[in-house]
């Protein structure tokens, strides 16, 4: 089943986000290589592809896991969480309907 992993950024976490980005992306590339990643990306703080110094409000990852517990375990090891980028992370089951 797919699960949505939603990370909500701490205020002023742009520098921390940049420092942990390589580790964050490595985990996403691994999910993609395994054919488990549906989509992933950040929530810009302003209505632009590149929000500049406004930064981001959080991120969304939608990936396939064997169970909610496995998805939660994966999310708990998120580099953005360890680096203090995320203030909170939630995991919810997701049913793909479209496309």
PDB file of N, CA and C in Angstrom:
ATOM      1  N   UNK A   1       0.846  -1.176   0.000  1.00  0.00           N
ATOM      2  CA  UNK A   1       0.000   0.000   0.000  1.00  0.00           C
ATOM      3  C   UNK A   1       0.888   1.235   0.000  1.00  0.00           C
ATOM      4  N   UNK A   2       0.341   2.311  -0.528  1.00  0.00           N
ATOM      5  CA  UNK A   2       1.061   3.586  -0.484  1.00  0.00           C
ATOM      6  C   UNK A   2       0.753   4.315   0.816  1.00  0.00           C
ATOM      7  N   UNK A   3       1.719   5.146   1.227  1.00  0.00           N
ATOM      8  CA  UNK A   3       1.581   5.967   2.427  1.00  0.00           C
ATOM      9  C   UNK A   3       2.088   7.366   2.126  1.00  0.00           C
ATOM     10  N   UNK A   4       1.386   8.365   2.651  1.00  0.00           N
ATOM     11  CA  UNK A   4       1.827   9.755   2.595  1.00  0.00           C
ATOM     12  C   UNK A   4       2.633  10.050   3.847  1.00  0.00           C
ATOM     13  N   UNK A   5       3.818  10.547   3.629  1.00  0.00           N
ATOM     14  CA  UNK A   5       4.658  11.006   4.729  1.00  0.00           C
ATOM     15  C   UNK A   5       4.724  12.517   4.599  1.00  0.00           C
ATOM     16  N   UNK A   6       4.211  13.204   5.599  1.00  0.00           N
ATOM     17  CA  UNK A   6       4.121  14.663   5.558  1.00  0.00           C
ATOM     18  C   UNK A   6       4.992  15.227   6.669  1.00  0.00           C
ATOM     19  N   UNK A   7       6.009  15.973   6.263  1.00  0.00           N
ATOM     20  CA  UNK A   7       6.888  16.629   7.217  1.00  0.00           C
ATOM     21  C   UNK A   7       6.581  18.113   7.253  1.00  0.00           C
ATOM     22  N   UNK A   8       6.454  18.665   8.434  1.00  0.00           N
ATOM     23  CA  UNK A   8       6.193  20.093   8.622  1.00  0.00           C
ATOM     24  C   UNK A   8       7.465  20.737   9.164  1.00  0.00           C
ATOM     25  N   UNK A   9       7.960  21.746   8.437  1.00  0.00           N
ATOM     26  CA  UNK A   9       9.220  22.391   8.808  1.00  0.00           C
ATOM     27  C   UNK A   9       9.114  23.253  10.060  1.00  0.00           C
ATOM     28  N   UNK A  10      10.198  23.280  10.806  1.00  0.00           N
ATOM     29  CA  UNK A  10      10.373  24.275  11.855  1.00  0.00           C
ATOM     30  C   UNK A  10      10.575  25.636  11.184  1.00  0.00           C
ATOM     31  N   UNK A  11      10.247  26.723  11.864  1.00  0.00           N
ATOM     32  CA  UNK A  11      10.535  28.046  11.306  1.00  0.00           C
ATOM     33  C   UNK A  11      12.040  28.220  11.080  1.00  0.00           C
ATOM     34  N   UNK A  12      12.381  28.956  10.054  1.00  0.00           N
ATOM     35  CA  UNK A  12      13.781  29.303   9.757  1.00  0.00           C
ATOM     36  C   UNK A  12      14.682  28.080   9.660  1.00  0.00           C
ATOM     37  N   UNK A  13      14.227  27.047   8.976  1.00  0.00           N
ATOM     38  CA  UNK A  13      15.008  25.811   8.870  1.00  0.00           C
ATOM     39  C   UNK A  13      15.697  25.641   7.515  1.00  0.00           C
ATOM     40  N   UNK A  14      15.710  26.685   6.693  1.00  0.00           N
ATOM     41  CA  UNK A  14      16.259  26.584   5.345  1.00  0.00           C
ATOM     42  C   UNK A  14      17.731  26.161   5.345  1.00  0.00           C
ATOM     43  N   UNK A  15      18.536  26.688   6.240  1.00  0.00           N
ATOM     44  CA  UNK A  15      19.955  26.329   6.303  1.00  0.00           C
ATOM     45  C   UNK A  15      20.114  24.863   6.701  1.00  0.00           C
ATOM     46  N   UNK A  16      19.328  24.412   7.666  1.00  0.00           N
ATOM     47  CA  UNK A  16      19.371  23.006   8.089  1.00  0.00           C
ATOM     48  C   UNK A  16      18.907  22.093   6.953  1.00  0.00           C
ATOM     49  N   UNK A  17      17.901  22.540   6.223  1.00  0.00           N
ATOM     50  CA  UNK A  17      17.381  21.771   5.089  1.00  0.00           C
ATOM     51  C   UNK A  17      18.477  21.581   4.048  1.00  0.00           C
ATOM     52  N   UNK A  18      19.190  22.648   3.725  1.00  0.00           N
ATOM     53  CA  UNK A  18      20.263  22.556   2.733  1.00  0.00           C
ATOM     54  C   UNK A  18      21.364  21.605   3.192  1.00  0.00           C
ATOM     55  N   UNK A  19      21.698  21.645   4.479  1.00  0.00           N
ATOM     56  CA  UNK A  19      22.771  20.802   5.006  1.00  0.00           C
ATOM     57  C   UNK A  19      22.409  19.316   4.975  1.00  0.00           C
ATOM     58  N   UNK A  20      21.144  18.980   5.143  1.00  0.00           N
ATOM     59  CA  UNK A  20      20.717  17.575   5.204  1.00  0.00           C
ATOM     60  C   UNK A  20      20.156  17.071   3.876  1.00  0.00           C
ATOM     61  N   UNK A  21      20.115  17.913   2.867  1.00  0.00           N
ATOM     62  CA  UNK A  21      19.443  17.573   1.609  1.00  0.00           C
ATOM     63  C   UNK A  21      20.039  16.350   0.912  1.00  0.00           C
ATOM     64  N   UNK A  22      21.340  16.227   0.867  1.00  0.00           N
ATOM     65  CA  UNK A  22      21.959  15.091   0.170  1.00  0.00           C
ATOM     66  C   UNK A  22      21.524  13.760   0.791  1.00  0.00           C
ATOM     67  N   UNK A  23      21.516  13.685   2.108  1.00  0.00           N
ATOM     68  CA  UNK A  23      21.089  12.458   2.783  1.00  0.00           C
ATOM     69  C   UNK A  23      19.602  12.194   2.554  1.00  0.00           C
ATOM     70  N   UNK A  24      18.806  13.251   2.588  1.00  0.00           N
ATOM     71  CA  UNK A  24      17.368  13.148   2.329  1.00  0.00           C
ATOM     72  C   UNK A  24      17.123  12.604   0.919  1.00  0.00           C
ATOM     73  N   UNK A  25      17.799  13.182  -0.068  1.00  0.00           N
ATOM     74  CA  UNK A  25      17.611  12.750  -1.455  1.00  0.00           C
ATOM     75  C   UNK A  25      18.109  11.333  -1.690  1.00  0.00           C
ATOM     76  N   UNK A  26      19.176  10.930  -1.001  1.00  0.00           N
ATOM     77  CA  UNK A  26      19.696   9.568  -1.156  1.00  0.00           C
ATOM     78  C   UNK A  26      18.632   8.538  -0.785  1.00  0.00           C
ATOM     79  N   UNK A  27      17.889   8.805   0.269  1.00  0.00           N
ATOM     80  CA  UNK A  27      16.830   7.877   0.677  1.00  0.00           C
ATOM     81  C   UNK A  27      15.702   7.838  -0.344  1.00  0.00           C
ATOM     82  N   UNK A  28      15.387   8.993  -0.923  1.00  0.00           N
ATOM     83  CA  UNK A  28      14.346   9.038  -1.947  1.00  0.00           C
ATOM     84  C   UNK A  28      14.801   8.321  -3.213  1.00  0.00           C
ATOM     85  N   UNK A  29      16.072   8.494  -3.588  1.00  0.00           N
ATOM     86  CA  UNK A  29      16.608   7.782  -4.753  1.00  0.00           C
ATOM     87  C   UNK A  29      16.548   6.266  -4.534  1.00  0.00           C
ATOM     88  N   UNK A  30      16.777   5.820  -3.306  1.00  0.00           N
ATOM     89  CA  UNK A  30      16.692   4.394  -2.994  1.00  0.00           C
ATOM     90  C   UNK A  30      15.266   3.884  -3.182  1.00  0.00           C
ATOM     91  N   UNK A  31      14.287   4.626  -2.667  1.00  0.00           N
ATOM     92  CA  UNK A  31      12.886   4.242  -2.885  1.00  0.00           C
ATOM     93  C   UNK A  31      12.555   4.199  -4.368  1.00  0.00           C
ATOM     94  N   UNK A  32      13.056   5.170  -5.107  1.00  0.00           N
ATOM     95  CA  UNK A  32      12.798   5.228  -6.542  1.00  0.00           C
ATOM     96  C   UNK A  32      13.437   4.030  -7.249  1.00  0.00           C
ATOM     97  N   UNK A  33      14.663   3.695  -6.891  1.00  0.00           N
ATOM     98  CA  UNK A  33      15.358   2.557  -7.504  1.00  0.00           C
ATOM     99  C   UNK A  33      14.627   1.245  -7.222  1.00  0.00           C
ATOM    100  N   UNK A  34      13.960   1.172  -6.094  1.00  0.00           N
ATOM    101  CA  UNK A  34      13.190  -0.017  -5.717  1.00  0.00           C
ATOM    102  C   UNK A  34      11.789  -0.015  -6.336  1.00  0.00           C
ATOM    103  N   UNK A  35      11.435   1.053  -7.072  1.00  0.00           N
ATOM    104  CA  UNK A  35      10.122   1.148  -7.696  1.00  0.00           C
ATOM    105  C   UNK A  35       9.004   1.428  -6.714  1.00  0.00           C
ATOM    106  N   UNK A  36       9.325   2.031  -5.567  1.00  0.00           N
ATOM    107  CA  UNK A  36       8.345   2.253  -4.506  1.00  0.00           C
ATOM    108  C   UNK A  36       7.906   3.716  -4.366  1.00  0.00           C
ATOM    109  N   UNK A  37       8.583   4.639  -5.023  1.00  0.00           N
ATOM    110  CA  UNK A  37       8.295   6.067  -4.866  1.00  0.00           C
ATOM    111  C   UNK A  37       7.282   6.520  -5.908  1.00  0.00           C
ATOM    112  N   UNK A  38       6.162   7.065  -5.451  1.00  0.00           N
ATOM    113  CA  UNK A  38       5.156   7.616  -6.358  1.00  0.00           C
ATOM    114  C   UNK A  38       5.467   9.075  -6.663  1.00  0.00           C
ATOM    115  N   UNK A  39       5.733   9.859  -5.617  1.00  0.00           N
ATOM    116  CA  UNK A  39       6.082  11.270  -5.786  1.00  0.00           C
ATOM    117  C   UNK A  39       6.691  11.784  -4.487  1.00  0.00           C
ATOM    118  N   UNK A  40       7.431  12.879  -4.608  1.00  0.00           N
ATOM    119  CA  UNK A  40       7.999  13.537  -3.431  1.00  0.00           C
ATOM    120  C   UNK A  40       8.352  14.961  -3.803  1.00  0.00           C
ATOM    121  N   UNK A  41       8.219  15.859  -2.836  1.00  0.00           N
ATOM    122  CA  UNK A  41       8.600  17.242  -3.078  1.00  0.00           C
ATOM    123  C   UNK A  41       8.242  18.126  -1.903  1.00  0.00           C
ATOM    124  N   UNK A  42       8.797  19.340  -1.922  1.00  0.00           N
ATOM    125  CA  UNK A  42       8.563  20.275  -0.825  1.00  0.00           C
ATOM    126  C   UNK A  42       7.342  21.161  -1.069  1.00  0.00           C
ATOM    127  N   UNK A  43       6.897  21.799   0.021  1.00  0.00           N
ATOM    128  CA  UNK A  43       5.834  22.805  -0.025  1.00  0.00           C
ATOM    129  C   UNK A  43       6.503  24.176   0.051  1.00  0.00           C
ATOM    130  N   UNK A  44       6.640  24.896  -1.080  1.00  0.00           N
ATOM    131  CA  UNK A  44       7.243  26.231  -1.018  1.00  0.00           C
ATOM    132  C   UNK A  44       6.414  27.163  -0.122  1.00  0.00           C
ATOM    133  N   UNK A  45       7.103  28.035   0.587  1.00  0.00           N
ATOM    134  CA  UNK A  45       6.427  28.981   1.487  1.00  0.00           C
ATOM    135  C   UNK A  45       5.726  30.100   0.714  1.00  0.00           C
ATOM    136  N   UNK A  46       6.100  30.279  -0.544  1.00  0.00           N
ATOM    137  CA  UNK A  46       5.468  31.269  -1.413  1.00  0.00           C
ATOM    138  C   UNK A  46       5.123  30.600  -2.737  1.00  0.00           C
ATOM    139  N   UNK A  47       4.290  31.236  -3.524  1.00  0.00           N
ATOM    140  CA  UNK A  47       3.783  30.665  -4.764  1.00  0.00           C
ATOM    141  C   UNK A  47       4.790  30.814  -5.909  1.00  0.00           C
ATOM    142  N   UNK A  48       5.923  30.114  -5.769  1.00  0.00           N
ATOM    143  CA  UNK A  48       6.967  30.095  -6.802  1.00  0.00           C
ATOM    144  C   UNK A  48       7.670  28.753  -6.755  1.00  0.00           C
ATOM    145  N   UNK A  49       8.183  28.306  -7.905  1.00  0.00           N
ATOM    146  CA  UNK A  49       8.959  27.068  -7.934  1.00  0.00           C
ATOM    147  C   UNK A  49      10.196  27.192  -7.053  1.00  0.00           C
ATOM    148  N   UNK A  50      10.851  28.340  -7.111  1.00  0.00           N
ATOM    149  CA  UNK A  50      12.023  28.599  -6.264  1.00  0.00           C
ATOM    150  C   UNK A  50      11.638  29.691  -5.267  1.00  0.00           C
ATOM    151  N   UNK A  51      11.368  29.313  -4.017  1.00  0.00           N
ATOM    152  CA  UNK A  51      10.922  30.305  -3.055  1.00  0.00           C
ATOM    153  C   UNK A  51      12.036  31.174  -2.485  1.00  0.00           C
ATOM    154  N   UNK A  52      13.278  30.912  -2.891  1.00  0.00           N
ATOM    155  CA  UNK A  52      14.390  31.709  -2.389  1.00  0.00           C
ATOM    156  C   UNK A  52      14.479  31.671  -0.879  1.00  0.00           C
ATOM    157  N   UNK A  53      14.732  32.802  -0.282  1.00  0.00           N
ATOM    158  CA  UNK A  53      14.926  32.874   1.166  1.00  0.00           C
ATOM    159  C   UNK A  53      13.634  32.636   1.957  1.00  0.00           C
ATOM    160  N   UNK A  54      12.461  32.649   1.284  1.00  0.00           N
ATOM    161  CA  UNK A  54      11.204  32.342   1.976  1.00  0.00           C
ATOM    162  C   UNK A  54      11.192  30.886   2.434  1.00  0.00           C
ATOM    163  N   UNK A  55      11.918  30.026   1.716  1.00  0.00           N
ATOM    164  CA  UNK A  55      12.059  28.636   2.123  1.00  0.00           C
ATOM    165  C   UNK A  55      10.829  27.786   1.887  1.00  0.00           C
ATOM    166  N   UNK A  56      10.693  26.786   2.729  1.00  0.00           N
ATOM    167  CA  UNK A  56       9.658  25.777   2.574  1.00  0.00           C
ATOM    168  C   UNK A  56       8.879  25.596   3.876  1.00  0.00           C
ATOM    169  N   UNK A  57       7.665  25.095   3.729  1.00  0.00           N
ATOM    170  CA  UNK A  57       6.806  24.835   4.889  1.00  0.00           C
ATOM    171  C   UNK A  57       6.846  23.376   5.314  1.00  0.00           C
ATOM    172  N   UNK A  58       7.339  22.527   4.428  1.00  0.00           N
ATOM    173  CA  UNK A  58       7.386  21.102   4.707  1.00  0.00           C
ATOM    174  C   UNK A  58       7.557  20.323   3.427  1.00  0.00           C
ATOM    175  N   UNK A  59       7.263  19.027   3.499  1.00  0.00           N
ATOM    176  CA  UNK A  59       7.448  18.140   2.357  1.00  0.00           C
ATOM    177  C   UNK A  59       6.408  17.032   2.357  1.00  0.00           C
ATOM    178  N   UNK A  60       6.213  16.460   1.154  1.00  0.00           N
ATOM    179  CA  UNK A  60       5.329  15.317   0.975  1.00  0.00           C
ATOM    180  C   UNK A  60       6.106  14.213   0.273  1.00  0.00           C
ATOM    181  N   UNK A  61       6.011  13.007   0.803  1.00  0.00           N
ATOM    182  CA  UNK A  61       6.567  11.820   0.160  1.00  0.00           C
ATOM    183  C   UNK A  61       5.426  10.815   0.081  1.00  0.00           C
ATOM    184  N   UNK A  62       5.201  10.263  -1.098  1.00  0.00           N
ATOM    185  CA  UNK A  62       4.206   9.203  -1.259  1.00  0.00           C
ATOM    186  C   UNK A  62       4.960   7.989  -1.796  1.00  0.00           C
ATOM    187  N   UNK A  63       4.993   6.936  -0.989  1.00  0.00           N
ATOM    188  CA  UNK A  63       5.755   5.748  -1.348  1.00  0.00           C
ATOM    189  C   UNK A  63       5.045   4.494  -0.851  1.00  0.00           C
ATOM    190  N   UNK A  64       5.414   3.381  -1.463  1.00  0.00           N
ATOM    191  CA  UNK A  64       4.819   2.101  -1.108  1.00  0.00           C
ATOM    192  C   UNK A  64       5.646   1.422  -0.002  1.00  0.00           C
ATOM    193  N   UNK A  65       4.941   0.935   1.007  1.00  0.00           N
ATOM    194  CA  UNK A  65       5.541   0.184   2.103  1.00  0.00           C
ATOM    195  C   UNK A  65       4.660  -1.026   2.379  1.00  0.00           C
ATOM    196  N   UNK A  66       5.196  -2.012   3.072  1.00  0.00           N
ATOM    197  CA  UNK A  66       4.451  -3.222   3.401  1.00  0.00           C
ATOM    198  C   UNK A  66       3.369  -2.973   4.450  1.00  0.00           C
ATOM    199  N   UNK A  67       3.589  -1.962   5.305  1.00  0.00           N
ATOM    200  CA  UNK A  67       2.640  -1.702   6.383  1.00  0.00           C
ATOM    201  C   UNK A  67       2.797  -0.268   6.875  1.00  0.00           C
ATOM    202  N   UNK A  68       1.821   0.176   7.638  1.00  0.00           N
ATOM    203  CA  UNK A  68       1.900   1.486   8.272  1.00  0.00           C
ATOM    204  C   UNK A  68       3.110   1.542   9.195  1.00  0.00           C
ATOM    205  N   UNK A  69       3.349   0.484   9.923  1.00  0.00           N
ATOM    206  CA  UNK A  69       4.484   0.453  10.848  1.00  0.00           C
ATOM    207  C   UNK A  69       5.811   0.603  10.108  1.00  0.00           C
ATOM    208  N   UNK A  70       5.937  -0.061   8.950  1.00  0.00           N
ATOM    209  CA  UNK A  70       7.161   0.069   8.158  1.00  0.00           C
ATOM    210  C   UNK A  70       7.332   1.502   7.652  1.00  0.00           C
ATOM    211  N   UNK A  71       6.242   2.116   7.208  1.00  0.00           N
ATOM    212  CA  UNK A  71       6.294   3.506   6.740  1.00  0.00           C
ATOM    213  C   UNK A  71       6.671   4.443   7.884  1.00  0.00           C
ATOM    214  N   UNK A  72       6.111   4.219   9.060  1.00  0.00           N
ATOM    215  CA  UNK A  72       6.447   5.042  10.219  1.00  0.00           C
ATOM    216  C   UNK A  72       7.912   4.878  10.613  1.00  0.00           C
ATOM    217  N   UNK A  73       8.404   3.668  10.562  1.00  0.00           N
ATOM    218  CA  UNK A  73       9.809   3.394  10.883  1.00  0.00           C
ATOM    219  C   UNK A  73      10.722   4.111   9.893  1.00  0.00           C
ATOM    220  N   UNK A  74      10.379   4.036   8.607  1.00  0.00           N
ATOM    221  CA  UNK A  74      11.170   4.718   7.581  1.00  0.00           C
ATOM    222  C   UNK A  74      11.148   6.225   7.825  1.00  0.00           C
ATOM    223  N   UNK A  75       9.981   6.767   8.114  1.00  0.00           N
ATOM    224  CA  UNK A  75       9.841   8.212   8.339  1.00  0.00           C
ATOM    225  C   UNK A  75      10.609   8.661   9.580  1.00  0.00           C
ATOM    226  N   UNK A  76      10.666   7.834  10.594  1.00  0.00           N
ATOM    227  CA  UNK A  76      11.370   8.191  11.834  1.00  0.00           C
ATOM    228  C   UNK A  76      12.875   8.337  11.612  1.00  0.00           C
ATOM    229  N   UNK A  77      13.396   7.728  10.551  1.00  0.00           N
ATOM    230  CA  UNK A  77      14.819   7.813  10.240  1.00  0.00           C
ATOM    231  C   UNK A  77      15.129   8.912   9.217  1.00  0.00           C
ATOM    232  N   UNK A  78      14.162   9.769   8.936  1.00  0.00           N
ATOM    233  CA  UNK A  78      14.321  10.841   7.948  1.00  0.00           C
ATOM    234  C   UNK A  78      15.412  11.816   8.378  1.00  0.00           C
ATOM    235  N   UNK A  79      16.404  12.060   7.509  1.00  0.00           N
ATOM    236  CA  UNK A  79      17.472  13.005   7.838  1.00  0.00           C
ATOM    237  C   UNK A  79      16.975  14.420   8.168  1.00  0.00           C
ATOM    238  N   UNK A  80      15.908  14.864   7.547  1.00  0.00           N
ATOM    239  CA  UNK A  80      15.372  16.189   7.865  1.00  0.00           C
ATOM    240  C   UNK A  80      14.834  16.235   9.292  1.00  0.00           C
ATOM    241  N   UNK A  81      14.326  15.138   9.781  1.00  0.00           N
ATOM    242  CA  UNK A  81      13.854  15.072  11.161  1.00  0.00           C
ATOM    243  C   UNK A  81      15.051  15.122  12.116  1.00  0.00           C
ATOM    244  N   UNK A  82      16.061  14.329  11.832  1.00  0.00           N
ATOM    245  CA  UNK A  82      17.261  14.299  12.679  1.00  0.00           C
ATOM    246  C   UNK A  82      17.991  15.635  12.689  1.00  0.00           C
ATOM    247  N   UNK A  83      17.951  16.352  11.571  1.00  0.00           N
ATOM    248  CA  UNK A  83      18.660  17.634  11.457  1.00  0.00           C
ATOM    249  C   UNK A  83      17.879  18.806  12.038  1.00  0.00           C
ATOM    250  N   UNK A  84      16.634  18.577  12.465  1.00  0.00           N
ATOM    251  CA  UNK A  84      15.834  19.652  13.027  1.00  0.00           C
ATOM    252  C   UNK A  84      15.094  20.478  11.990  1.00  0.00           C
ATOM    253  N   UNK A  85      15.041  19.972  10.756  1.00  0.00           N
ATOM    254  CA  UNK A  85      14.261  20.669   9.724  1.00  0.00           C
ATOM    255  C   UNK A  85      12.773  20.489  10.024  1.00  0.00           C
ATOM    256  N   UNK A  86      12.371  19.253  10.255  1.00  0.00           N
ATOM    257  CA  UNK A  86      10.969  18.949  10.519  1.00  0.00           C
ATOM    258  C   UNK A  86      10.644  19.113  11.998  1.00  0.00           C
ATOM    259  N   UNK A  87       9.558  19.806  12.257  1.00  0.00           N
ATOM    260  CA  UNK A  87       9.014  19.899  13.610  1.00  0.00           C
ATOM    261  C   UNK A  87       8.115  18.705  13.896  1.00  0.00           C
ATOM    262  N   UNK A  88       7.501  18.175  12.827  1.00  0.00           N
ATOM    263  CA  UNK A  88       6.549  17.082  12.984  1.00  0.00           C
ATOM    264  C   UNK A  88       6.503  16.269  11.697  1.00  0.00           C
ATOM    265  N   UNK A  89       6.294  14.976  11.834  1.00  0.00           N
ATOM    266  CA  UNK A  89       6.124  14.088  10.687  1.00  0.00           C
ATOM    267  C   UNK A  89       4.911  13.209  10.953  1.00  0.00           C
ATOM    268  N   UNK A  90       4.031  13.136   9.969  1.00  0.00           N
ATOM    269  CA  UNK A  90       2.881  12.236  10.089  1.00  0.00           C
ATOM    270  C   UNK A  90       2.886  11.268   8.909  1.00  0.00           C
ATOM    271  N   UNK A  91       2.309  10.103   9.132  1.00  0.00           N
ATOM    272  CA  UNK A  91       2.231   9.065   8.099  1.00  0.00           C
ATOM    273  C   UNK A  91       0.789   8.603   8.015  1.00  0.00           C
ATOM    274  N   UNK A  92       0.279   8.585   6.780  1.00  0.00           N
ATOM    275  CA  UNK A  92      -1.113   8.182   6.577  1.00  0.00           C
ATOM    276  C   UNK A  92      -1.200   7.238   5.383  1.00  0.00           C
ATOM    277  N   UNK A  93      -2.077   6.232   5.454  1.00  0.00           N
ATOM    278  CA  UNK A  93      -2.315   5.391   4.279  1.00  0.00           C
ATOM    279  C   UNK A  93      -2.867   6.242   3.135  1.00  0.00           C
ATOM    280  N   UNK A  94      -2.533   5.828   1.906  1.00  0.00           N
ATOM    281  CA  UNK A  94      -2.947   6.578   0.724  1.00  0.00           C
ATOM    282  C   UNK A  94      -3.405   5.596  -0.348  1.00  0.00           C
ATOM    283  N   UNK A  95      -4.582   5.831  -0.902  1.00  0.00           N
ATOM    284  CA  UNK A  95      -5.102   5.002  -1.968  1.00  0.00           C
ATOM    285  C   UNK A  95      -5.010   5.756  -3.283  1.00  0.00           C
ATOM    286  N   UNK A  96      -4.248   5.218  -4.224  1.00  0.00           N
ATOM    287  CA  UNK A  96      -4.113   5.836  -5.535  1.00  0.00           C
ATOM    288  C   UNK A  96      -5.378   5.562  -6.331  1.00  0.00           C
ATOM    289  N   UNK A  97      -6.029   6.608  -6.796  1.00  0.00           N
ATOM    290  CA  UNK A  97      -7.221   6.486  -7.615  1.00  0.00           C
ATOM    291  C   UNK A  97      -6.946   6.999  -9.040  1.00  0.00           C
ATOM    292  N   UNK A  98      -6.290   8.122  -9.157  1.00  0.00           N
ATOM    293  CA  UNK A  98      -5.930   8.695 -10.456  1.00  0.00           C
ATOM    294  C   UNK A  98      -4.432   8.919 -10.488  1.00  0.00           C
ATOM    295  N   UNK A  99      -3.718   8.842 -11.540  1.00  0.00           N
ATOM    296  CA  UNK A  99      -4.227   8.600 -12.897  1.00  0.00           C
ATOM    297  C   UNK A  99      -4.541   7.153 -13.125  1.00  0.00           C
TER     298      UNK A  99
END
